[in-house]
Protein backbone atom coordinates (compact mmCIF):
# COMPACT_ATOMS: atom_id res chain seq x y z
CA UNK A 1 0.00 0.00 0.00
CA UNK A 2 0.94 3.64 -0.47
CA UNK A 3 0.90 5.93 2.57
CA UNK A 4 0.96 9.74 2.54
CA UNK A 5 -0.81 10.69 5.79
CA UNK A 6 -0.06 9.87 9.43
CA UNK A 7 3.40 8.59 8.46
CA UNK A 8 4.84 8.86 11.96
CA UNK A 9 2.31 6.43 13.39
CA UNK A 10 2.78 4.14 10.42
CA UNK A 11 6.55 4.04 10.91
CA UNK A 12 6.20 3.22 14.62
CA UNK A 13 3.45 0.65 14.07
CA UNK A 14 4.70 -2.64 15.46
CA UNK A 15 3.97 -5.52 13.06
CA UNK A 16 1.83 -8.44 14.15
CA UNK A 17 4.89 -10.70 14.26
CA UNK A 18 5.37 -11.50 17.93
CA UNK A 19 9.13 -12.01 17.84
CA UNK A 20 10.39 -8.67 16.46
CA UNK A 21 13.38 -7.49 18.45
CA UNK A 22 14.94 -4.76 16.32
CA UNK A 23 13.65 -1.62 14.61
CA UNK A 24 15.99 -0.17 11.99
CA UNK A 25 15.90 3.26 10.39
CA UNK A 26 18.03 4.14 7.38
CA UNK A 27 17.36 7.79 6.58
CA UNK A 28 19.11 10.48 4.56
CA UNK A 29 18.57 12.94 7.40
CA UNK A 30 17.31 12.45 10.94
CA UNK A 31 15.70 14.67 13.55
CA UNK A 32 15.62 14.63 17.32
CA UNK A 33 11.90 14.27 18.11
CA UNK A 34 11.33 10.88 16.37
CA UNK A 35 14.40 9.43 18.09
CA UNK A 36 13.01 10.58 21.44
CA UNK A 37 9.92 8.46 20.74
CA UNK A 38 12.08 5.34 20.53
CA UNK A 39 12.15 5.37 24.33
CA UNK A 40 8.56 4.07 24.15
CA UNK A 41 9.45 0.92 22.24
CA UNK A 42 8.51 -2.31 24.04
CA UNK A 43 11.06 -3.81 26.40
CA UNK A 44 13.51 -5.98 24.53
CA UNK A 45 13.25 -4.09 21.23
CA UNK A 46 16.47 -2.41 20.13
CA UNK A 47 16.55 0.45 17.61
CA UNK A 48 19.29 1.27 15.11
CA UNK A 49 19.24 4.67 13.42
CA UNK A 50 21.56 5.50 10.53
CA UNK A 51 22.07 9.12 9.48
CA UNK A 52 22.76 8.50 5.82
CA UNK A 53 24.05 11.81 4.47
CA UNK A 54 26.78 12.34 7.05
CA UNK A 55 29.29 11.11 4.48
CA UNK A 56 28.24 13.88 2.10
CA UNK A 57 27.14 16.82 4.29
CA UNK A 58 28.80 16.13 7.66
CA UNK A 59 26.50 17.14 10.56
CA UNK A 60 25.97 20.43 12.38
CA UNK A 61 27.30 20.74 15.93
CA UNK A 62 23.90 21.45 17.57
CA UNK A 63 22.27 18.41 15.97
CA UNK A 64 25.26 16.21 16.73
CA UNK A 65 25.21 17.27 20.39
CA UNK A 66 21.48 16.56 20.61
CA UNK A 67 21.96 13.09 19.13
CA UNK A 68 24.84 12.37 21.51
CA UNK A 69 22.62 13.28 24.45
CA UNK A 70 19.93 10.89 23.24
CA UNK A 71 22.50 8.13 22.66
CA UNK A 72 23.72 8.49 26.23
CA UNK A 73 20.20 8.69 27.66
CA UNK A 74 18.42 5.88 25.82
CA UNK A 75 19.96 2.42 26.37
CA UNK A 76 17.83 0.75 23.69
CA UNK A 77 19.11 2.75 20.72
CA UNK A 78 22.22 2.91 18.56
CA UNK A 79 22.80 6.01 16.42
CA UNK A 80 25.22 5.60 13.52
CA UNK A 81 26.59 7.95 10.85
CA UNK A 82 27.18 6.59 7.35
CA UNK A 83 30.61 7.50 5.98
CA UNK A 84 29.29 7.09 2.44
CA UNK A 85 26.44 9.31 1.20
CA UNK A 86 23.12 7.47 1.51
CA UNK A 87 19.88 9.27 0.67
CA UNK A 88 17.58 6.26 1.16
CA UNK A 89 14.62 6.28 3.54
CA UNK A 90 13.81 2.78 4.76
CA UNK A 91 12.15 1.57 7.96
CA UNK A 92 12.05 -2.11 8.87
CA UNK A 93 11.49 -4.54 11.72
CA UNK A 94 13.59 -7.63 12.29
CA UNK A 95 13.28 -10.88 14.20
CA UNK A 96 16.87 -11.89 14.74
CA UNK A 97 18.45 -11.48 11.29
CA UNK A 98 15.18 -11.86 9.41
CA UNK A 99 13.26 -8.84 8.12
CA UNK A 100 9.55 -9.15 8.87
CA UNK A 101 8.16 -5.82 7.63
CA UNK A 102 9.64 -2.86 5.74
CA UNK A 103 8.61 0.57 4.45
CA UNK A 104 10.44 2.55 1.78
CA UNK A 105 9.80 6.00 0.32
CA UNK A 106 10.77 9.66 0.55
CA UNK A 107 10.13 10.47 4.24
CA UNK A 108 13.15 11.28 6.40
CA UNK A 109 13.12 10.22 10.05
CA UNK A 110 12.32 13.76 11.21
CA UNK A 111 9.33 15.87 12.18
CA UNK A 112 9.36 17.52 8.76
CA UNK A 113 9.42 14.15 7.00
CA UNK A 114 6.83 12.30 9.10
CA UNK A 115 4.31 14.82 10.46
CA UNK A 116 3.32 16.85 7.39
CA UNK A 117 0.61 14.96 5.52
CA UNK A 118 0.92 14.70 1.73
CA UNK A 119 4.48 16.06 1.79
CA UNK A 120 6.20 12.65 1.63
CA UNK A 121 5.24 9.06 0.89
CA UNK A 122 6.03 5.57 2.14
CA UNK A 123 5.04 2.21 0.73
CA UNK A 124 5.31 -1.42 1.83
CA UNK A 125 8.36 -3.27 0.54
CA UNK A 126 7.55 -6.57 -1.12
CA UNK A 127 8.75 -9.58 0.84
CA UNK A 128 10.60 -10.92 -2.21
CA UNK A 129 12.85 -7.83 -2.01
CA UNK A 130 13.92 -8.42 1.60
CA UNK A 131 16.98 -10.49 0.65
CA UNK A 132 18.30 -7.88 -1.79
CA UNK A 133 17.63 -5.10 0.68
CA UNK A 134 19.42 -6.97 3.45
CA UNK A 135 22.53 -7.09 1.24
CA UNK A 136 22.26 -3.35 0.61
CA UNK A 137 21.70 -2.57 4.30
CA UNK A 138 24.67 -4.65 5.43
CA UNK A 139 26.89 -2.86 2.89
CA UNK A 140 25.87 0.51 4.36
CA UNK A 141 26.03 -0.74 7.95
CA UNK A 142 29.64 -1.83 7.52
CA UNK A 143 30.53 1.72 6.47
CA UNK A 144 29.03 3.45 9.50
CA UNK A 145 30.61 4.88 12.62
CA UNK A 146 28.86 5.37 15.98
CA UNK A 147 27.81 8.94 16.74
CA UNK A 148 30.12 8.75 19.78
CA UNK A 149 33.22 8.28 17.60
CA UNK A 150 35.94 10.68 18.76
CA UNK A 151 36.99 11.39 15.16
CA UNK A 152 33.67 13.05 14.27
CA UNK A 153 34.22 16.77 13.67
CA UNK A 154 30.76 18.40 13.32
CA UNK A 155 30.23 21.67 11.49
CA UNK A 156 30.17 24.76 13.67
CA UNK A 157 27.34 27.25 13.31
CA UNK A 158 28.32 30.72 12.10
CA UNK A 159 27.71 33.44 14.68
CA UNK A 160 26.45 36.82 13.57
CA UNK A 161 27.99 39.97 15.14
CA UNK A 162 25.70 41.18 17.88
CA UNK A 163 26.22 44.82 16.91
CA UNK A 164 24.94 44.45 13.33
CA UNK A 165 21.70 46.37 12.89
CA UNK A 166 19.03 46.64 10.17
CA UNK A 167 20.92 44.31 7.80
CA UNK A 168 21.39 40.59 7.61
CA UNK A 169 24.98 40.22 8.83
CA UNK A 170 25.78 36.69 7.67
CA UNK A 171 23.86 36.21 4.46
CA UNK A 172 26.56 34.02 2.89
CA UNK A 173 26.64 31.69 5.91
CA UNK A 174 22.85 31.39 6.04
CA UNK A 175 22.16 33.12 9.36
CA UNK A 176 18.86 35.00 9.35
CA UNK A 177 18.49 37.67 12.05
CA UNK A 178 14.81 37.71 13.07
CA UNK A 179 13.94 40.87 14.96
CA UNK A 180 11.58 40.72 17.92
CA UNK A 181 10.69 44.37 17.37
CA UNK A 182 8.06 45.75 15.02
CA UNK A 183 8.66 48.22 12.18
CA UNK A 184 8.56 51.12 14.66
CA UNK A 185 11.24 49.55 16.82
CA UNK A 186 9.05 48.38 19.69
CA UNK A 187 7.67 45.06 20.93
CA UNK A 188 4.07 44.78 19.74
CA UNK A 189 1.63 44.68 22.68
CA UNK A 190 -0.76 42.09 21.19
CA UNK A 191 1.27 40.13 18.67
CA UNK A 192 4.68 38.51 18.36
CA UNK A 193 6.01 37.84 21.87
CA UNK A 194 2.77 39.22 23.34
CA UNK A 195 0.38 37.28 21.08
CA UNK A 196 -1.37 35.81 24.12
CA UNK A 197 -2.75 39.26 25.00
CA UNK A 198 -4.68 39.66 21.73
CA UNK A 199 -8.45 39.20 21.50
CA UNK A 200 -8.30 36.34 18.99
CA UNK A 201 -8.34 32.59 19.61
CA UNK A 202 -5.24 32.59 21.77
CA UNK A 203 -4.12 31.14 25.08
CA UNK A 204 -2.05 32.53 27.91
CA UNK A 205 1.60 32.72 26.95
CA UNK A 206 1.10 32.28 23.19
CA UNK A 207 3.89 33.79 21.10
CA UNK A 208 5.41 33.70 17.63
CA UNK A 209 8.47 34.98 15.82
CA UNK A 210 7.54 37.07 12.74
CA UNK A 211 8.95 35.95 9.39
CA UNK A 212 9.18 39.14 7.35
CA UNK A 213 9.07 39.15 3.57
CA UNK A 214 12.57 40.63 3.69
CA UNK A 215 13.79 37.38 5.27
CA UNK A 216 12.07 35.30 2.60
CA UNK A 217 13.68 37.30 -0.20
CA UNK A 218 17.11 36.76 1.36
CA UNK A 219 16.59 33.19 2.61
CA UNK A 220 14.08 31.44 0.31
CA UNK A 221 15.43 27.97 1.15
CA UNK A 222 15.21 28.62 4.88
CA UNK A 223 11.50 29.41 4.71
CA UNK A 224 10.15 27.27 1.84
CA UNK A 225 6.88 28.04 0.05
CA UNK A 226 3.67 26.25 0.91
CA UNK A 227 0.38 25.41 -0.79
CA UNK A 228 -2.18 28.18 -0.74
CA UNK A 229 -5.68 27.68 0.62
CA UNK A 230 -7.27 30.37 -1.51
CA UNK A 231 -7.01 28.53 -4.78
CA UNK A 232 -3.59 29.60 -6.04
CA UNK A 233 -1.55 26.46 -6.62
CA UNK A 234 2.19 26.75 -6.02
CA UNK A 235 3.57 24.32 -8.58
CA UNK A 236 7.04 24.34 -7.02
CA UNK A 237 5.81 23.53 -3.53
CA UNK A 238 5.13 20.02 -2.26
CA UNK A 239 1.97 18.85 -0.57
CA UNK A 240 -1.75 19.29 -0.99
CA UNK A 241 -3.38 22.68 -1.54
CA UNK A 242 -4.77 22.97 1.97
CA UNK A 243 -1.70 21.85 3.88
CA UNK A 244 -1.50 25.16 5.68
CA UNK A 245 1.18 24.68 8.32
CA UNK A 246 4.36 22.61 8.44
CA UNK A 247 5.92 21.22 11.61
CA UNK A 248 9.69 21.54 11.99
CA UNK A 249 12.25 21.05 14.76
CA UNK A 250 13.93 23.84 16.74
CA UNK A 251 17.25 23.39 18.57
CA UNK A 252 18.07 26.36 20.79
CA UNK A 253 21.52 27.57 21.81
CA UNK A 254 20.99 26.25 25.37
CA UNK A 255 20.13 22.76 24.08
CA UNK A 256 16.35 23.07 24.45
CA UNK A 257 14.49 21.25 21.69
CA UNK A 258 10.91 21.84 20.61
CA UNK A 259 8.59 21.29 17.66
CA UNK A 260 8.09 24.46 15.65
CA UNK A 261 5.26 25.42 13.31
CA UNK A 262 5.67 27.45 10.12
CA UNK A 263 2.26 29.06 9.78
CA UNK A 264 0.36 31.96 8.25
CA UNK A 265 0.63 33.26 4.70
CA UNK A 266 2.85 35.74 2.90
CA UNK A 267 2.27 36.34 -0.81
CA UNK A 268 5.63 36.94 -2.47
CA UNK A 269 4.85 39.22 -5.41
CA UNK A 270 8.21 38.41 -6.99
CA UNK A 271 7.39 34.76 -7.66
CA UNK A 272 3.67 34.50 -6.84
CA UNK A 273 4.36 31.90 -4.14
CA UNK A 274 2.91 31.70 -0.64
CA UNK A 275 5.40 31.61 2.25
CA UNK A 276 4.99 31.22 6.03
CA UNK A 277 4.39 34.42 7.97
CA UNK A 278 5.48 33.36 11.43
CA UNK A 279 7.21 30.68 13.47
CA UNK A 280 5.41 29.32 16.53
CA UNK A 281 5.38 25.97 18.32
CA UNK A 282 3.32 22.78 18.31
CA UNK A 283 1.17 21.36 19.86
CA UNK A 284 0.81 24.58 21.89
CA UNK A 285 1.92 28.05 20.81
CA UNK A 286 2.53 28.88 24.46
CA UNK A 287 5.56 26.53 24.49
CA UNK A 288 7.55 29.22 22.68
CA UNK A 289 6.13 32.06 24.75
CA UNK A 290 6.79 30.44 28.11
CA UNK A 291 10.29 29.41 27.06
CA UNK A 292 11.29 32.93 25.96
CA UNK A 293 9.67 34.49 29.05
CA UNK A 294 11.69 32.18 31.26
CA UNK A 295 14.89 33.25 29.52
CA UNK A 296 13.91 36.91 29.83
CA UNK A 297 13.06 36.45 33.49
CA UNK A 298 9.48 37.75 33.24
CA UNK A 299 6.16 36.21 34.26
CA UNK A 300 3.40 34.75 32.13
CA UNK A 301 1.17 37.83 32.58
CA UNK A 302 3.91 40.37 31.91
CA UNK A 303 3.69 42.32 28.65
CA UNK A 304 7.18 42.10 27.18
CA UNK A 305 8.72 45.45 26.21
CA UNK A 306 11.80 46.60 24.37
CA UNK A 307 13.31 47.42 27.75
CA UNK A 308 12.98 43.76 28.78
CA UNK A 309 14.88 42.68 25.67
CA UNK A 310 17.54 45.34 26.16
CA UNK A 311 17.98 44.26 29.77
CA UNK A 312 18.34 40.65 28.63
CA UNK A 313 20.94 41.61 26.04
CA UNK A 314 19.46 41.26 22.55
CA UNK A 315 16.36 42.16 20.57
CA UNK A 316 16.62 39.44 17.93
CA UNK A 317 16.99 35.70 17.38
CA UNK A 318 19.48 34.35 14.83
CA UNK A 319 18.05 31.44 12.84
CA UNK A 320 20.02 28.87 10.83
CA UNK A 321 18.67 25.94 8.80
CA UNK A 322 21.04 23.14 9.85
CA UNK A 323 19.28 20.14 8.26
CA UNK A 324 16.05 19.31 6.44
CA UNK A 325 13.32 20.86 8.60
CA UNK A 326 15.69 21.46 11.55
CA UNK A 327 16.54 24.98 12.72
CA UNK A 328 19.17 26.29 15.12
CA UNK A 329 17.86 29.20 17.21
CA UNK A 330 20.47 31.47 18.80
CA UNK A 331 19.20 33.70 21.62
CA UNK A 332 22.44 33.62 23.58
CA UNK A 333 23.96 36.56 25.45
CA UNK A 334 26.64 34.88 27.55
CA UNK A 335 29.37 35.03 24.92
CA UNK A 336 30.88 37.57 22.59
CA UNK A 337 29.33 37.33 19.15
């Protein structure tokens, strides 16, 4: 069968075979959130995750550190990096050395790959292909190194000068400086960081980071186009017309990890495409608001002002796209940048 919705549940669906003892993921790119879910596997089931494109793209330091933390925390998993470039996406269950069920397709083992309906596909692998696939898998497996290997040298994230103002300071290195101030230079009282104080369908602590059209013009790959609800079909965008919001993963400078949501609509008059208007969090938009308020040292009912940001030490967040659907969010003030 072909699957294009609810892929995450399909991937984690344990086959009816009673003796499965190993779950294996071979994915071009991997995220943190799906690996966290492996902690819920039944007792006695081991998981092997291979990050396939390490041999081609290396891996960013924030993602590598997050994977190391999971490797050290979860005794039932083994995270490996392929030293040869592998772009395959295959999920399979084994009983001993025998494959019992397998899925193959385009979905990476990440929030972006598994949680956005119609964006990617998976299909059942025919049993008569298991033998050939096993040969392929073993070839890749022999060319992997554990994520704990001391020889791994992850890519460092470029840091933008803190004093740069009104311009994007590290365009070439892909660092987008997202201001937390409005066009007039203030923190909006009922939107952005203070979204929870608006009169719309909001909850206490709700917040979002605005994605200005200026950012989209400069960083079109960082904030990819989406399908438009109003009838305008973006031919270069994946997914169904009414897939309004895409879930992504956010790794913050202090190691905090959360699921982000690219939502809202910007019409880019230059190419006629629809782009996200803001970055919030899922399943609750207050996750972002409460996190930033904690870092700022203010309460849930406090209206954040420019003075609060100045006191903290910065009025912006630097955003980098470090892997497919995975963003590094720099809100640090404890180092010279």
